[in-house]
Every structure is written in C-alpha cells, then in structure tokens.
C-alpha cells in the first residue's frame, strides 16, 4: 500500500500501458511516440496507483535490436519511478528465435522486468523460458486480416480460441493474459468476446484484460459470467484514456471484494509483487 493510499481504498494497477516509439494497431502501423509523462498525468487523474508499462509494437520485425533497446528503456523508467511503474518485456518469438532464453533471463533477473508481451504467436522456445522464469505472457492474436472479397458481403474472422487453446493446454503452468476481452474495439466481431469468456472459464491459466471494448455490454457480461479473479483491469493507455477505462470497470458494480481483485489483487498475484 502506498503512503498516499487510505486503508479502505483499492490498490489500482493498470496491467496494460505502453511507452516509447513504435506503431499502433489501428490505424494499422500508424507511427506513435508514447510519452510516459502523459501516462503519469492521466493515471494520477484516474486514481491509478501503478501502471505496467511495455514498449509499443514494432514493424518491421527484422530489427530485433529494437526490443532490446526499448526493454532497457522501460527498465530505466521503472527504476526512475519505482512506485509508479512495473516493467514488462516485449519480444517477437519469430524474429528473435534462438536468442530468447539468454535475453529474457537477463531482462527478468537483472533488469527487474516482471512479465512478457509477445508480438507474434508464442513459440515453444518462448513458452519454455517463460515457464522456467514463472512470468505471465500477454498476447493479443492478430485476428484481423482474413478478409474475403468485398463482394461477398461478409468477413471470416477467427476468434482467440484458435490461438489460445493449444497454448493453454500444453503450458498449464504459464499464465496467459488476453487483452481487450478478446478483441480490440470490436463491433462486428463481438463473438471474440464470447470466445474469450469461454477460454477464461475453461482454463485456470487464461486471464482477460478489460481495455478497448467498444460495446459495454460485453464487459457487463464478463462481470457476471467470468470469475472476478480471472479479470484484470487495463487501460491500453495512451491509445485509450485510463480515466475512461477505469470508469468502465467501476460501472460493473462488482462489489468491494471483487472490484479489489480486478483492479489490483489479480495482477499482483500473477506478477508475484
């Protein structure tokens, strides 16, 4: 508990925020430069005590030194603001094949990063290291891009189950965090939220993050159908406004105990804070 936190106030940890340069999911590959000072300002206004920060996405994947540099910058920010930031590493398992064990051990054991976001479908190499280090993996499958000709009038959209079922089954000791309740800014592809809820209920090691859900009723459904210990508050800041995202979760009226779990206790447990 921080010195500014009252005894009856939830510890609020944002499990999904980005800093630094890179690209954005939407519009696809839009260049971004996320200022950590803006994140600190908005988080303070939202009443968020700490934020899990990680680097923005990167294209092209072939420049693997990008991840090494960005992860070190994230670690430096955490050292500068130890009471505000918790660092997560970011890597692409396809581009960095054969190097992940050495790199991740250094970033976790020496730099103090507490988890991993995978910018690419996690491989056995990555998950073997993650299991050894006992850190969680955040992974958002690139579900869009399967578009038949416009004349067909429909879109084939594979949901997160196809990406998560084998991982969660094969690596039961690894905790997976699925962002955006399964689909970012969904409207047409709402079935991905249903799939994500099913994954969280079926697998003890699959957790759902709450940011970027376009239609609030899916969050409301998750608040009723998914155990509170499987939901993690996240903002996807600064692409999404943490002041809005935190209000979306408060609107669920989960009750004091469940709300405390969603806002902080669950991610503290996963990160072993």
Protein backbone atom coordinates (compact mmCIF):
# COMPACT_ATOMS: atom_id res chain seq x y z
CA UNK A 1 0.00 0.00 0.00
CA UNK A 2 1.39 3.39 -0.93
CA UNK A 3 1.73 6.19 1.59
CA UNK A 4 -0.98 8.14 -0.26
CA UNK A 5 -3.47 5.27 -0.18
CA UNK A 6 -6.09 5.08 2.55
CA UNK A 7 -6.76 1.81 4.36
CA UNK A 8 -10.15 1.29 2.69
CA UNK A 9 -9.04 2.21 -0.84
CA UNK A 10 -8.29 -0.38 -3.54
CA UNK A 11 -4.77 -0.62 -4.85
CA UNK A 12 -5.32 0.04 -8.57
CA UNK A 13 -2.79 -1.36 -11.02
CA UNK A 14 -3.17 -0.80 -14.75
CA UNK A 15 -1.84 -4.00 -16.31
CA UNK A 16 -1.60 -2.70 -19.90
CA UNK A 17 0.08 0.60 -20.81
CA UNK A 18 2.70 1.50 -23.43
CA UNK A 19 5.62 3.89 -23.62
CA UNK A 20 8.18 4.85 -26.24
CA UNK A 21 8.19 4.76 -30.03
CA UNK A 22 6.66 2.18 -32.34
CA UNK A 23 3.44 1.59 -34.25
CA UNK A 24 -0.23 1.28 -33.36
CA UNK A 25 -2.72 -1.50 -34.13
CA UNK A 26 -5.30 0.94 -35.54
CA UNK A 27 -4.93 2.64 -37.94
CA UNK A 28 -2.61 -0.18 -38.90
CA UNK A 29 1.07 0.60 -38.31
CA UNK A 30 0.50 4.28 -37.52
CA UNK A 31 3.74 5.64 -36.02
CA UNK A 32 3.43 6.52 -32.34
CA UNK A 33 5.55 8.05 -29.61
CA UNK A 34 4.06 7.44 -26.19
CA UNK A 35 5.21 9.92 -23.55
CA UNK A 36 5.49 8.39 -20.05
CA UNK A 37 4.79 11.80 -18.50
CA UNK A 38 1.34 11.82 -20.14
CA UNK A 39 0.72 8.35 -18.77
CA UNK A 40 1.69 9.50 -15.27
CA UNK A 41 -0.60 12.53 -15.53
CA UNK A 42 -3.67 10.66 -16.76
CA UNK A 43 -3.13 7.78 -14.35
CA UNK A 44 -2.96 10.18 -11.41
CA UNK A 45 -6.20 11.82 -12.53
CA UNK A 46 -7.82 8.39 -12.85
CA UNK A 47 -6.72 7.32 -9.38
CA UNK A 48 -4.40 4.59 -10.69
CA UNK A 49 -1.56 3.86 -8.30
CA UNK A 50 0.79 1.88 -10.58
CA UNK A 51 0.99 1.02 -14.28
CA UNK A 52 2.51 -1.99 -16.02
CA UNK A 53 4.45 -0.43 -18.90
CA UNK A 54 5.88 -2.00 -22.02
CA UNK A 55 7.15 -0.80 -25.37
CA UNK A 56 4.91 -0.09 -28.33
CA UNK A 57 4.74 -2.59 -31.19
CA UNK A 58 7.44 -2.56 -33.85
CA UNK A 59 7.49 -3.09 -37.63
CA UNK A 60 9.47 -4.46 -39.39
CA UNK A 61 10.20 -7.40 -37.10
CA UNK A 62 13.68 -7.96 -38.51
CA UNK A 63 15.17 -5.16 -36.40
CA UNK A 64 15.50 -7.25 -33.23
CA UNK A 65 17.72 -4.68 -31.53
CA UNK A 66 14.56 -2.53 -31.20
CA UNK A 67 13.22 -4.80 -28.45
CA UNK A 68 16.49 -4.88 -26.55
CA UNK A 69 16.74 -1.11 -26.55
CA UNK A 70 13.09 -0.49 -25.70
CA UNK A 71 13.05 -3.03 -22.88
CA UNK A 72 16.09 -1.39 -21.33
CA UNK A 73 14.36 1.98 -21.57
CA UNK A 74 11.30 0.52 -19.86
CA UNK A 75 13.51 -0.87 -17.08
CA UNK A 76 15.14 2.57 -16.68
CA UNK A 77 11.73 4.22 -16.32
CA UNK A 78 10.77 1.69 -13.66
CA UNK A 79 13.97 2.46 -11.78
CA UNK A 80 13.20 6.19 -12.05
CA UNK A 81 9.58 5.75 -10.89
CA UNK A 82 9.62 2.58 -8.75
CA UNK A 83 6.37 3.48 -7.00
CA UNK A 84 4.53 4.15 -10.28
CA UNK A 85 5.80 1.77 -12.99
CA UNK A 86 6.13 -2.01 -13.29
CA UNK A 87 8.03 -3.13 -16.38
CA UNK A 88 7.12 -5.87 -18.85
CA UNK A 89 9.40 -7.03 -21.64
CA UNK A 90 8.29 -7.24 -25.27
CA UNK A 91 9.68 -9.70 -27.83
CA UNK A 92 8.82 -11.28 -31.15
CA UNK A 93 9.45 -15.05 -30.96
CA UNK A 94 9.72 -15.48 -34.72
CA UNK A 95 12.20 -12.67 -35.35
CA UNK A 96 14.28 -13.47 -32.26
CA UNK A 97 14.28 -17.26 -32.49
CA UNK A 98 17.25 -18.88 -30.80
CA UNK A 99 18.08 -15.90 -28.59
CA UNK A 100 15.13 -15.59 -26.20
CA UNK A 101 16.39 -17.60 -23.26
CA UNK A 102 19.52 -15.56 -22.70
CA UNK A 103 17.75 -12.24 -23.30
CA UNK A 104 14.74 -12.92 -21.10
CA UNK A 105 16.80 -14.23 -18.21
CA UNK A 106 18.81 -11.01 -18.25
CA UNK A 107 15.72 -8.78 -18.52
CA UNK A 108 13.86 -10.56 -15.72
CA UNK A 109 16.69 -11.47 -13.35
CA UNK A 110 18.94 -8.41 -13.87
CA UNK A 111 16.69 -5.60 -15.15
CA UNK A 112 13.70 -6.49 -12.98
CA UNK A 113 11.03 -6.84 -15.69
CA UNK A 114 8.09 -8.84 -14.38
CA UNK A 115 6.32 -10.27 -17.40
CA UNK A 116 6.28 -10.51 -21.19
CA UNK A 117 4.16 -9.32 -24.10
CA UNK A 118 4.59 -11.44 -27.22
CA UNK A 119 4.50 -9.56 -30.52
CA UNK A 120 3.89 -12.72 -32.50
CA UNK A 121 2.36 -16.10 -31.75
CA UNK A 122 4.29 -17.56 -28.78
CA UNK A 123 6.60 -20.42 -29.73
CA UNK A 124 7.76 -23.38 -27.67
CA UNK A 125 11.10 -21.65 -27.23
CA UNK A 126 9.42 -18.61 -25.71
CA UNK A 127 6.99 -20.53 -23.53
CA UNK A 128 9.66 -22.89 -22.20
CA UNK A 129 11.63 -19.86 -20.96
CA UNK A 130 8.52 -18.18 -19.57
CA UNK A 131 7.60 -21.34 -17.66
CA UNK A 132 11.11 -21.51 -16.20
CA UNK A 133 11.03 -17.86 -15.16
CA UNK A 134 7.44 -18.13 -13.86
CA UNK A 135 6.25 -14.92 -15.51
CA UNK A 136 2.92 -14.25 -17.29
CA UNK A 137 2.57 -13.72 -21.05
CA UNK A 138 0.32 -11.09 -22.59
CA UNK A 139 -0.64 -11.99 -26.15
CA UNK A 140 -3.19 -10.42 -28.48
CA UNK A 141 -3.60 -12.51 -31.64
CA UNK A 142 -3.65 -10.54 -34.88
CA UNK A 143 -7.14 -11.71 -35.67
CA UNK A 144 -7.93 -9.20 -38.39
CA UNK A 145 -6.70 -9.52 -41.93
CA UNK A 146 -8.76 -12.54 -43.02
CA UNK A 147 -10.98 -10.69 -45.43
CA UNK A 148 -12.66 -12.35 -48.42
CA UNK A 149 -13.56 -10.22 -51.46
CA UNK A 150 -15.72 -7.24 -50.58
CA UNK A 151 -18.40 -8.54 -52.92
CA UNK A 152 -19.07 -11.43 -50.56
CA UNK A 153 -20.56 -9.04 -48.03
CA UNK A 154 -19.07 -10.91 -45.07
CA UNK A 155 -15.81 -11.39 -43.24
CA UNK A 156 -14.24 -14.56 -41.96
CA UNK A 157 -12.87 -13.78 -38.53
CA UNK A 158 -11.01 -16.39 -36.49
CA UNK A 159 -11.52 -15.71 -32.79
CA UNK A 160 -8.96 -16.08 -30.00
CA UNK A 161 -9.80 -19.73 -29.25
CA UNK A 162 -7.77 -20.91 -32.25
CA UNK A 163 -4.72 -19.06 -30.90
CA UNK A 164 -5.11 -19.90 -27.21
CA UNK A 165 -6.49 -23.43 -26.91
CA UNK A 166 -3.26 -25.34 -27.58
CA UNK A 167 -1.08 -22.90 -25.63
CA UNK A 168 -3.24 -23.01 -22.53
CA UNK A 169 -3.50 -26.80 -22.73
CA UNK A 170 0.19 -27.51 -23.41
CA UNK A 171 1.55 -25.00 -20.87
CA UNK A 172 -0.79 -25.19 -17.86
CA UNK A 173 1.85 -23.61 -15.59
CA UNK A 174 2.08 -20.47 -17.76
CA UNK A 175 -0.41 -17.68 -17.09
CA UNK A 176 -1.72 -16.01 -20.24
CA UNK A 177 -3.28 -12.54 -20.40
CA UNK A 178 -5.66 -11.98 -23.32
CA UNK A 179 -6.15 -8.22 -23.86
CA UNK A 180 -9.32 -6.37 -24.78
CA UNK A 181 -11.64 -9.18 -23.67
CA UNK A 182 -10.57 -10.98 -26.84
CA UNK A 183 -11.00 -8.28 -29.50
CA UNK A 184 -9.86 -4.65 -29.71
CA UNK A 185 -12.59 -2.07 -30.44
CA UNK A 186 -14.95 -4.77 -31.59
CA UNK A 187 -18.33 -4.11 -33.11
CA UNK A 188 -18.78 -6.59 -35.92
CA UNK A 189 -16.51 -9.25 -34.34
CA UNK A 190 -18.30 -9.42 -30.99
CA UNK A 191 -18.16 -13.24 -30.98
CA UNK A 192 -14.50 -12.95 -29.97
CA UNK A 193 -15.65 -11.66 -26.58
CA UNK A 194 -17.81 -14.75 -26.14
CA UNK A 195 -14.86 -16.97 -27.06
CA UNK A 196 -12.56 -15.12 -24.65
CA UNK A 197 -15.00 -15.59 -21.78
CA UNK A 198 -15.20 -19.28 -22.60
CA UNK A 199 -11.41 -19.56 -22.54
CA UNK A 200 -11.18 -17.83 -19.14
CA UNK A 201 -13.84 -20.10 -17.67
CA UNK A 202 -12.33 -23.27 -19.14
CA UNK A 203 -8.64 -22.71 -18.43
CA UNK A 204 -7.29 -21.76 -14.98
CA UNK A 205 -4.30 -20.07 -16.66
CA UNK A 206 -6.17 -17.69 -19.03
CA UNK A 207 -6.98 -14.17 -17.81
CA UNK A 208 -8.86 -11.38 -19.58
CA UNK A 209 -7.85 -7.71 -19.67
CA UNK A 210 -10.60 -5.10 -19.83
CA UNK A 211 -9.48 -2.24 -22.11
CA UNK A 212 -10.64 -1.22 -25.56
CA UNK A 213 -14.01 -2.99 -25.50
CA UNK A 214 -16.20 -0.99 -27.83
CA UNK A 215 -19.62 -2.13 -26.56
CA UNK A 216 -20.00 -2.02 -22.78
CA UNK A 217 -22.48 -4.90 -22.59
CA UNK A 218 -19.65 -7.38 -23.20
CA UNK A 219 -17.81 -6.10 -20.14
CA UNK A 220 -21.06 -6.37 -18.21
CA UNK A 221 -21.43 -9.98 -19.37
CA UNK A 222 -17.86 -10.76 -18.32
CA UNK A 223 -18.51 -9.22 -14.90
CA UNK A 224 -21.40 -11.65 -14.41
CA UNK A 225 -20.14 -14.82 -16.12
CA UNK A 226 -16.37 -14.77 -15.57
CA UNK A 227 -14.96 -15.20 -12.04
CA UNK A 228 -13.61 -11.90 -10.76
CA UNK A 229 -10.20 -13.48 -10.13
CA UNK A 230 -9.84 -14.01 -13.91
CA UNK A 231 -10.35 -10.34 -14.89
CA UNK A 232 -7.54 -7.75 -14.96
CA UNK A 233 -8.02 -4.02 -15.20
CA UNK A 234 -6.05 -2.46 -18.05
CA UNK A 235 -6.29 0.81 -19.94
CA UNK A 236 -4.24 0.32 -23.12
CA UNK A 237 -3.00 3.85 -22.40
CA UNK A 238 -2.28 6.15 -24.02
CA UNK A 239 -4.28 4.86 -27.03
CA UNK A 240 -7.24 4.60 -24.67
CA UNK A 241 -7.83 7.07 -21.85
CA UNK A 242 -7.27 5.46 -18.42
CA UNK A 243 -9.76 7.90 -16.91
CA UNK A 244 -12.44 6.39 -19.13
CA UNK A 245 -11.30 2.77 -18.88
CA UNK A 246 -11.32 2.78 -15.10
CA UNK A 247 -14.86 4.18 -15.12
CA UNK A 248 -15.98 1.37 -17.45
CA UNK A 249 -14.94 -1.19 -14.85
CA UNK A 250 -16.48 0.74 -11.95
CA UNK A 251 -19.78 0.75 -13.84
CA UNK A 252 -19.89 -3.05 -13.43
CA UNK A 253 -20.64 -2.56 -9.71
CA UNK A 254 -18.85 -5.76 -8.80
CA UNK A 255 -18.82 -5.09 -5.08
CA UNK A 256 -15.86 -4.16 -2.92
CA UNK A 257 -14.13 -7.55 -2.77
CA UNK A 258 -14.45 -8.42 -6.47
CA UNK A 259 -13.56 -4.91 -7.56
CA UNK A 260 -10.40 -5.02 -5.46
CA UNK A 261 -9.42 -8.28 -7.18
CA UNK A 262 -9.96 -6.90 -10.68
CA UNK A 263 -8.27 -3.57 -10.01
CA UNK A 264 -5.12 -4.85 -8.38
CA UNK A 265 -5.01 -8.09 -6.47
CA UNK A 266 -5.13 -10.37 -9.51
CA UNK A 267 -2.24 -8.78 -11.39
CA UNK A 268 -0.20 -8.54 -8.16
CA UNK A 269 -0.57 -12.28 -7.79
CA UNK A 270 0.39 -13.01 -11.41
CA UNK A 271 3.44 -10.74 -11.27
CA UNK A 272 4.39 -12.02 -7.78
CA UNK A 273 4.62 -8.47 -6.42
